Protein backbone atom coordinates (compact mmCIF):
# COMPACT_ATOMS: atom_id res chain seq x y z
CA MET A 1 -7.38 39.51 -25.05
CA ALA A 2 -3.73 38.58 -25.62
CA GLU A 3 -2.68 40.89 -22.78
CA ALA A 4 -5.19 39.23 -20.43
CA GLN A 5 -3.83 35.81 -21.32
CA ARG A 6 -0.29 36.95 -20.57
CA ARG A 7 -1.37 38.14 -17.15
CA ASN A 8 -3.15 34.85 -16.44
CA PRO A 9 -1.25 32.07 -18.24
CA THR A 10 -3.28 29.34 -16.53
CA GLY A 11 -6.63 30.77 -17.53
CA GLY A 12 -7.04 28.49 -20.53
CA LEU A 13 -6.32 25.25 -18.70
CA GLN A 14 -8.28 26.29 -15.63
CA GLN A 15 -11.25 27.46 -17.71
CA ARG A 16 -11.34 24.24 -19.71
CA GLY A 17 -11.01 22.19 -16.53
CA GLU A 18 -13.85 24.02 -14.86
CA GLY A 19 -15.91 23.85 -18.03
CA LEU A 20 -15.48 20.09 -18.22
CA ALA A 21 -16.46 19.68 -14.58
CA ALA A 22 -19.44 22.03 -14.98
CA GLY A 23 -20.78 19.86 -17.78
CA LEU A 24 -21.25 16.86 -15.50
CA PRO A 25 -24.71 16.01 -14.17
CA PRO A 26 -25.32 17.83 -10.86
CA LEU A 27 -26.45 14.51 -9.43
CA LEU A 28 -22.88 13.21 -9.69
CA VAL A 29 -21.54 15.97 -7.48
CA ALA A 30 -24.42 15.52 -5.02
CA ALA A 31 -24.25 11.71 -4.96
CA GLU A 32 -21.63 11.86 -2.23
CA ARG A 33 -19.38 8.89 -2.73
CA VAL A 34 -21.37 5.98 -1.37
CA ALA A 35 -20.77 6.95 2.28
CA SER A 36 -23.68 7.94 4.51
CA THR A 37 -24.36 11.66 4.63
CA VAL A 38 -24.31 13.51 7.92
CA ALA A 39 -25.00 16.98 9.27
CA GLN A 40 -23.17 18.83 6.52
CA GLY A 41 -25.78 17.72 3.99
CA VAL A 42 -25.09 15.86 0.80
CA HIS A 43 -21.40 16.67 1.00
CA GLY A 44 -20.96 15.46 4.58
CA ARG A 45 -19.65 11.97 5.15
CA ARG A 46 -19.17 9.78 8.16
CA ARG A 47 -15.42 9.71 8.56
CA VAL A 48 -13.01 8.30 11.06
CA GLY A 49 -11.66 11.02 13.35
CA LEU A 50 -12.74 13.39 16.08
CA GLY A 51 -16.42 13.41 16.98
CA GLU A 52 -18.96 12.42 19.59
CA THR A 53 -20.80 9.61 17.81
CA PHE A 54 -19.44 6.06 17.79
CA TRP A 55 -18.44 4.72 14.37
CA GLN A 56 -16.66 1.36 14.76
CA PHE A 57 -14.10 -0.76 16.59
CA ARG A 58 -10.85 -1.70 14.88
CA GLN A 59 -7.63 -3.39 15.97
CA TYR A 60 -4.99 -1.20 17.59
CA GLU A 61 -2.18 -0.03 15.28
CA ILE A 62 1.21 1.46 16.00
CA GLY A 63 0.79 5.20 16.29
CA ASP A 64 -2.70 5.08 17.81
CA SER A 65 -3.21 7.08 20.97
CA PRO A 66 -3.47 4.91 24.12
CA GLN A 67 -6.48 7.05 25.07
CA SER A 68 -8.35 5.65 22.06
CA ILE A 69 -8.17 2.05 23.37
CA ASP A 70 -11.56 0.63 24.34
CA TRP A 71 -10.70 -1.61 27.29
CA ARG A 72 -14.15 -3.18 27.52
CA GLN A 73 -14.01 -4.39 23.90
CA THR A 74 -10.37 -5.41 24.32
CA ALA A 75 -11.23 -7.55 27.35
CA LYS A 76 -13.49 -9.71 25.17
CA SER A 77 -10.60 -11.07 23.08
CA ASP A 78 -6.83 -11.45 22.94
CA ARG A 79 -6.46 -8.37 20.70
CA VAL A 80 -6.42 -4.67 21.53
CA PHE A 81 -9.17 -2.54 20.00
CA VAL A 82 -9.58 1.20 19.59
CA ARG A 83 -12.87 3.03 19.41
CA GLU A 84 -13.32 5.17 16.30
CA MET A 85 -15.74 8.06 16.15
CA GLU A 86 -17.48 9.87 13.32
CA TRP A 87 -15.77 12.77 11.68
CA GLU A 88 -17.90 15.17 9.70
CA ALA A 89 -14.97 16.93 8.02
CA ALA A 90 -13.80 15.94 4.56
CA GLN A 91 -10.82 13.68 4.04
CA SER A 92 -7.85 14.76 1.97
CA VAL A 93 -7.25 13.66 -1.62
CA TRP A 94 -3.73 13.84 -3.05
CA LEU A 95 -3.27 13.93 -6.82
CA TRP A 96 -0.33 13.41 -9.17
CA ARG A 97 0.28 13.17 -12.88
CA ASP A 98 3.33 11.98 -14.78
CA SER A 99 5.44 14.96 -15.90
CA SER A 100 8.04 13.00 -17.88
CA ALA A 101 8.87 13.71 -21.52
CA SER A 102 6.88 10.74 -22.83
CA MET A 103 3.68 12.48 -21.73
CA ASP A 104 4.30 15.27 -24.25
CA TRP A 105 3.82 12.93 -27.21
CA ARG A 106 0.85 12.92 -29.57
CA SER A 107 0.40 10.96 -32.79
CA SER A 108 -1.63 13.70 -34.49
CA ARG A 109 -1.96 17.46 -34.28
CA GLU A 110 -5.70 16.97 -33.93
CA LEU A 111 -5.19 15.15 -30.63
CA PRO A 112 -4.11 16.49 -27.25
CA SER A 113 -0.83 15.22 -25.88
CA LYS A 114 -1.06 12.78 -23.01
CA ARG A 115 0.13 15.53 -20.66
CA GLU A 116 -2.53 17.97 -21.88
CA ARG A 117 -5.28 15.41 -21.36
CA ALA A 118 -3.91 14.46 -17.94
CA ASP A 119 -3.78 18.12 -16.89
CA LEU A 120 -7.35 18.71 -18.02
CA LEU A 121 -8.68 15.65 -16.20
CA LEU A 122 -6.68 16.38 -13.06
CA LEU A 123 -7.84 19.97 -12.83
CA ALA A 124 -11.45 19.09 -13.61
CA LEU A 125 -11.36 16.42 -10.92
CA ILE A 126 -9.98 18.97 -8.46
CA VAL A 127 -12.90 21.30 -9.30
CA LEU A 128 -15.40 18.53 -8.55
CA LEU A 129 -13.66 17.54 -5.34
CA LEU A 130 -13.56 21.12 -4.10
CA ARG A 131 -17.24 21.54 -4.91
CA ALA A 132 -17.90 18.44 -2.84
CA GLY A 133 -16.04 19.97 0.11
CA GLU A 134 -12.91 17.81 -0.17
CA ARG A 135 -9.48 19.01 0.85
CA VAL A 136 -7.13 18.53 -2.10
CA ALA A 137 -3.38 18.78 -2.70
CA LEU A 138 -0.84 17.85 -5.34
CA LEU A 139 1.78 15.26 -4.47
CA GLY A 140 5.26 16.71 -4.43
CA GLU A 141 4.16 20.28 -3.68
CA HIS A 142 4.55 19.86 0.09
CA VAL A 143 1.54 22.09 0.65
CA LEU A 144 -1.24 21.23 3.07
CA PRO A 145 -4.51 20.14 1.40
CA SER A 146 -7.16 22.81 1.07
CA SER A 147 -10.74 23.20 -0.11
CA SER A 148 -10.41 26.88 -1.06
CA ARG A 149 -10.71 28.56 -4.44
CA ALA A 150 -7.18 29.88 -3.96
CA ALA A 151 -5.95 26.28 -3.81
CA LEU A 152 -7.45 25.62 -7.26
CA ILE A 153 -5.56 28.57 -8.74
CA ARG A 154 -2.34 27.52 -7.01
CA MET A 155 -2.60 23.98 -8.35
CA ALA A 156 -3.35 25.25 -11.85
CA LEU A 157 -0.19 27.35 -11.68
CA SER A 158 1.78 24.34 -10.49
CA LEU A 159 0.56 22.24 -13.41
CA GLU A 160 1.58 25.01 -15.80
CA ARG A 161 5.08 25.05 -14.34
CA GLN A 162 5.37 21.31 -14.74
CA ARG A 163 4.17 21.56 -18.32
CA ALA A 164 7.13 23.84 -18.93
CA GLY A 165 9.45 21.02 -17.89
CA ASP A 166 9.74 21.60 -14.15
CA ALA A 167 10.27 18.58 -11.89
CA PRO A 168 9.86 15.76 -14.46
CA ALA A 169 8.91 12.44 -12.92
CA ARG A 170 7.71 9.11 -14.31
CA LEU A 171 6.56 7.86 -10.93
CA PRO A 172 5.44 9.74 -7.80
CA GLY A 173 7.92 10.15 -4.99
CA ILE A 174 6.93 8.89 -1.57
CA GLU A 175 6.03 11.48 1.01
CA THR A 176 4.35 11.34 4.39
CA LEU A 177 0.58 11.58 4.02
CA PRO A 178 -2.12 11.40 6.68
CA ARG A 179 -3.70 8.04 7.39
CA HIS A 180 -6.98 7.45 5.52
CA ALA A 181 -5.99 9.89 2.76
CA HIS A 182 -6.74 8.99 -0.86
CA VAL A 183 -4.35 9.13 -3.79
CA VAL A 184 -5.05 9.58 -7.53
CA LEU A 185 -2.18 8.87 -9.94
CA ILE A 186 -2.41 9.72 -13.67
CA GLY A 187 0.20 8.82 -16.28
CA ASP A 188 1.06 6.44 -19.11
CA PHE A 189 2.64 3.95 -16.67
CA LEU A 190 4.98 2.44 -19.23
CA SER A 191 7.82 2.05 -16.74
CA PRO A 192 8.86 -1.50 -15.75
CA LEU A 193 6.08 -3.11 -13.74
CA GLU A 194 8.39 -3.94 -10.83
CA GLU A 195 9.19 -0.22 -10.43
CA ILE A 196 5.52 0.73 -10.58
CA GLN A 197 4.61 -1.95 -8.06
CA ALA A 198 7.32 -0.83 -5.63
CA GLU A 199 6.18 2.80 -5.73
CA ILE A 200 2.46 2.13 -5.43
CA ARG A 201 2.91 -0.49 -2.72
CA ARG A 202 4.69 2.06 -0.55
CA PHE A 203 1.55 4.17 -0.52
CA ALA A 204 -0.64 1.17 0.28
CA GLU A 205 1.64 0.10 3.13
CA ARG A 206 0.95 3.46 4.75
CA GLY A 207 -2.77 2.72 4.76
CA LEU A 208 -3.60 4.91 1.77
CA LYS A 209 -6.28 4.03 -0.76
CA GLY A 210 -6.08 5.13 -4.34
CA HIS A 211 -6.88 5.01 -8.03
CA VAL A 212 -4.52 4.79 -11.01
CA LEU A 213 -5.49 6.09 -14.47
CA GLN A 214 -3.35 5.05 -17.44
CA ILE A 215 -3.47 7.49 -20.36
CA LEU A 216 -2.34 6.41 -23.82
CA ASP A 217 -2.33 7.94 -27.27
CA PRO A 218 -4.42 5.86 -29.74
CA ALA A 219 -1.30 5.10 -31.79
CA GLU A 220 0.32 3.67 -28.67
CA ALA A 221 -2.74 1.52 -28.13
CA THR A 222 -2.96 0.16 -31.70
CA LEU A 223 0.39 0.73 -33.50
CA PRO A 224 -1.38 1.55 -36.80
CA TYR A 225 1.78 2.23 -38.81
CA GLN A 226 2.67 0.58 -42.10
CA GLY A 227 5.97 0.29 -43.96
CA ARG A 228 9.25 1.99 -43.11
CA ILE A 229 9.04 3.90 -39.82
CA ARG A 230 11.68 5.53 -37.63
CA PHE A 231 10.79 5.81 -33.95
CA GLU A 232 12.56 8.51 -31.95
CA GLY A 233 12.98 8.15 -28.19
CA LEU A 234 11.65 10.96 -26.00
CA GLU A 235 13.67 10.15 -22.90
CA GLY A 236 17.13 9.37 -24.21
CA GLU A 237 16.32 6.06 -25.88
CA PRO A 238 18.16 5.36 -29.17
CA PRO A 239 16.10 5.67 -32.39
CA TRP A 240 14.58 2.51 -33.85
CA LEU A 241 14.23 2.08 -37.60
CA LEU A 242 11.74 -0.52 -38.87
CA GLY A 243 11.54 -1.62 -42.48
CA ARG A 244 7.97 -2.87 -42.05
CA ALA A 245 6.25 -1.64 -38.91
CA GLU A 246 3.29 -3.99 -39.39
CA THR A 247 5.52 -7.01 -38.76
CA VAL A 248 6.01 -6.09 -35.09
CA ARG A 249 2.39 -5.09 -34.38
CA GLU A 250 1.27 -8.42 -32.94
CA GLY A 251 4.22 -8.68 -30.58
CA TYR A 252 3.91 -5.05 -29.56
CA LEU A 253 0.21 -5.34 -28.76
CA LYS A 254 0.83 -8.46 -26.72
CA ARG A 255 3.51 -6.71 -24.69
CA LEU A 256 1.30 -3.65 -24.16
CA SER A 257 -1.53 -5.92 -23.04
CA LEU A 258 0.78 -7.53 -20.49
CA GLN A 259 1.82 -4.08 -19.25
CA THR A 260 -1.77 -2.89 -18.89
CA GLN A 261 -2.95 -6.11 -17.25
CA GLY A 262 0.06 -6.02 -14.96
CA LEU A 263 -0.91 -2.53 -13.82
CA ILE A 264 -4.47 -3.72 -13.17
CA ASP A 265 -3.18 -6.68 -11.17
CA ILE A 266 -0.86 -4.47 -9.10
CA CYS A 267 -3.72 -2.19 -8.13
CA ARG A 268 -6.12 -5.04 -7.47
CA GLY A 269 -3.55 -6.78 -5.28
CA ILE A 270 -3.33 -3.83 -2.88
CA GLY A 271 -7.03 -2.97 -2.93
CA TRP A 272 -6.74 0.01 -5.29
CA THR A 273 -8.78 0.64 -8.43
CA SER A 274 -7.48 1.42 -11.92
CA GLY A 275 -8.69 2.63 -15.29
CA ARG A 276 -7.47 3.27 -18.83
CA HIS A 277 -8.11 6.23 -21.12
CA ARG A 278 -7.16 7.10 -24.71
CA THR A 279 -6.64 10.70 -25.75
CA ASP A 280 -9.07 10.27 -28.68
CA ALA A 281 -11.87 9.28 -26.28
CA SER A 282 -14.26 11.58 -24.42
CA SER A 283 -12.59 13.54 -21.63
CA GLN A 284 -15.97 13.90 -19.93
CA ALA A 285 -16.45 10.13 -19.84
CA ALA A 286 -12.97 9.75 -18.37
CA LEU A 287 -13.77 12.32 -15.67
CA LEU A 288 -17.00 10.52 -14.83
CA GLY A 289 -15.06 7.29 -14.46
CA LEU A 290 -12.39 8.96 -12.30
CA TYR A 291 -14.92 10.53 -9.97
CA ALA A 292 -16.96 7.33 -9.70
CA ALA A 293 -13.86 5.26 -8.91
CA LEU A 294 -12.77 7.72 -6.26
CA SER A 295 -16.29 7.72 -4.83
CA GLN A 296 -16.11 3.97 -4.34
CA ARG A 297 -12.74 4.23 -2.62
CA VAL A 298 -13.86 6.99 -0.27
CA GLY A 299 -17.07 5.21 0.55
CA ALA A 300 -15.32 1.90 1.17
């Protein structure tokens, strides 16, 4: 058994991810994200792209092909319109999770670290998306999205490498993604709000829709400590010694509330959705929420 695990170091994470996804109601996978189903069955959606059936008119944007302009519709107003058709192929979903040192923290040995919970949710979500026929990729890998089983294994390997400390990042880097793609970002999002807003807005300005999931340890969410406590920084911050930790709880919780609400407001302001999850809560419930939120975005 030990030898098999050495040959397949991602087996544990992948198996738990698939197990979590497999435990979801089959109806969730078949529900098909709010959009109308087409010829591919319950997993087919009406999507903008190549096709023979008319979908909608929309205003011309820079980068659109001149051949897509509908001159009859354009002649009816002072704006230029293009004619969009149905596309029965799946859209791409790009996923990312925070790989910075703060994600390795846990307040108890009985709890998973934030990174472990993020990895489990991310991989389980990938399993569900692949089952639904979606093309999926990890941000920062510079690999084309795929719906194959091999892609699942490749992404599991990538997550394992990042768990070992490869390519740490508190916020996702900006890369060129196809129009109409969807983005899922998972992390603790404790960076300054102005930095978070700048990064997320860059995705939105490229026409991308997305969902942000903030993951926190329960001790981060409640600051339950009493008496003399020494806090050690995980990312180069100086240690902080408190004589009575309970005296700062009210101020800390207020600041955390402002951070969380600020993240919600940032997402709402650009038309994205957001959620919050604690590592002592049900991972299955978090996955249900993630998939439902993404369903709403894809169906929008």
